[in-house]
Amino acid sequence: MSKPVNNLQDIFLNGARKNKIPVTIYLTNGFQLKGHVKGFDNFTVILDVDGRQMMIYKHAISTINPLKPLLFVQNFNSGDIRE
């Protein structure tokens, strides 16, 4: 049985991966990468860019912008989301 996903980062990246939504990843040095999320763990994101796979360290990522909005279908406890 798989472990439920609890944090927004994993929900976001997994949604982009499962739905094959193209993303633009902005790095802290200003560089942009456009592609599809193929996988991720606690420290890295694997991005497919024109058929090439790139491993990007999360500490180098500033922003991830999906081409279209992701739906967050997740059961949150009342204290999990703060406005």
Protein backbone atom coordinates (compact mmCIF):
# COMPACT_ATOMS: atom_id res chain seq x y z
CA MET A 1 0.00 0.00 0.00
CA SER A 2 1.40 3.43 -0.88
CA LYS A 3 1.91 6.15 1.68
CA PRO A 4 -0.47 9.12 1.31
CA VAL A 5 1.08 12.39 0.15
CA ASN A 6 0.93 15.01 2.88
CA ASN A 7 2.67 18.15 1.66
CA LEU A 8 1.85 20.66 -1.05
CA GLN A 9 5.23 20.31 -2.75
CA ASP A 10 4.74 16.59 -3.36
CA ILE A 11 1.08 17.05 -4.36
CA PHE A 12 2.09 19.77 -6.85
CA LEU A 13 4.97 17.85 -8.42
CA ASN A 14 3.03 14.58 -8.52
CA GLY A 15 0.06 16.33 -10.17
CA ALA A 16 2.32 17.78 -12.86
CA ARG A 17 3.95 14.38 -13.38
CA LYS A 18 0.77 12.28 -13.50
CA ASN A 19 -1.14 14.70 -15.74
CA LYS A 20 1.90 15.29 -17.98
CA ILE A 21 1.52 19.06 -17.60
CA PRO A 22 4.47 21.01 -19.04
CA VAL A 23 6.26 23.18 -16.48
CA THR A 24 8.77 26.00 -16.53
CA ILE A 25 11.33 25.73 -13.74
CA TYR A 26 13.10 28.95 -12.80
CA LEU A 27 16.45 28.43 -11.13
CA THR A 28 17.98 30.72 -8.52
CA ASN A 29 20.56 31.88 -11.09
CA GLY A 30 17.74 33.07 -13.41
CA PHE A 31 18.01 30.20 -15.89
CA GLN A 32 14.73 28.68 -17.18
CA LEU A 33 14.05 25.04 -18.00
CA LYS A 34 10.88 23.93 -19.81
CA GLY A 35 9.78 20.32 -19.80
CA HIS A 36 7.81 17.57 -18.07
CA VAL A 37 8.35 16.31 -14.52
CA LYS A 38 9.33 12.64 -14.69
CA GLY A 39 10.06 12.09 -11.01
CA PHE A 40 11.19 13.68 -7.77
CA ASP A 41 12.42 12.92 -4.29
CA ASN A 42 13.30 14.97 -1.22
CA PHE A 43 16.28 16.64 -2.90
CA THR A 44 15.88 16.48 -6.70
CA VAL A 45 13.46 16.81 -9.61
CA ILE A 46 13.90 14.84 -12.86
CA LEU A 47 12.78 16.95 -15.82
CA ASP A 48 12.37 15.71 -19.39
CA VAL A 49 13.53 18.49 -21.73
CA ASP A 50 13.10 17.65 -25.42
CA GLY A 51 13.78 13.95 -24.80
CA ARG A 52 16.74 14.56 -22.49
CA GLN A 53 16.49 13.94 -18.77
CA MET A 54 17.90 16.50 -16.37
CA MET A 55 18.32 16.11 -12.62
CA ILE A 56 17.78 19.44 -10.87
CA TYR A 57 18.57 19.92 -7.21
CA LYS A 58 15.63 21.47 -5.36
CA HIS A 59 17.87 23.95 -3.53
CA ALA A 60 18.63 25.49 -6.96
CA ILE A 61 14.92 25.96 -7.84
CA SER A 62 13.25 29.31 -7.29
CA THR A 63 9.83 28.75 -8.90
CA ILE A 64 7.91 26.07 -10.79
CA ASN A 65 5.23 27.37 -13.13
CA PRO A 66 2.83 24.84 -14.73
CA LEU A 67 1.41 25.57 -18.18
CA LYS A 68 -2.12 25.09 -16.81
CA PRO A 69 -3.45 25.10 -13.24
CA LEU A 70 -3.19 21.94 -11.16
CA LEU A 71 -6.16 20.69 -9.17
CA PHE A 72 -5.38 19.91 -5.55
CA VAL A 73 -7.63 16.96 -4.81
CA GLN A 74 -6.45 16.04 -1.35
CA ASN A 75 -8.19 15.58 1.98
CA PHE A 76 -6.74 18.12 4.37
CA ASN A 77 -7.40 18.39 8.07
CA SER A 78 -8.92 21.72 9.08
CA GLY A 79 -5.58 22.87 10.51
CA ASP A 80 -3.51 22.06 7.44
CA ILE A 81 -4.40 25.06 5.30
CA ARG A 82 -3.90 28.55 6.68
CA GLU A 83 -5.05 31.73 5.03
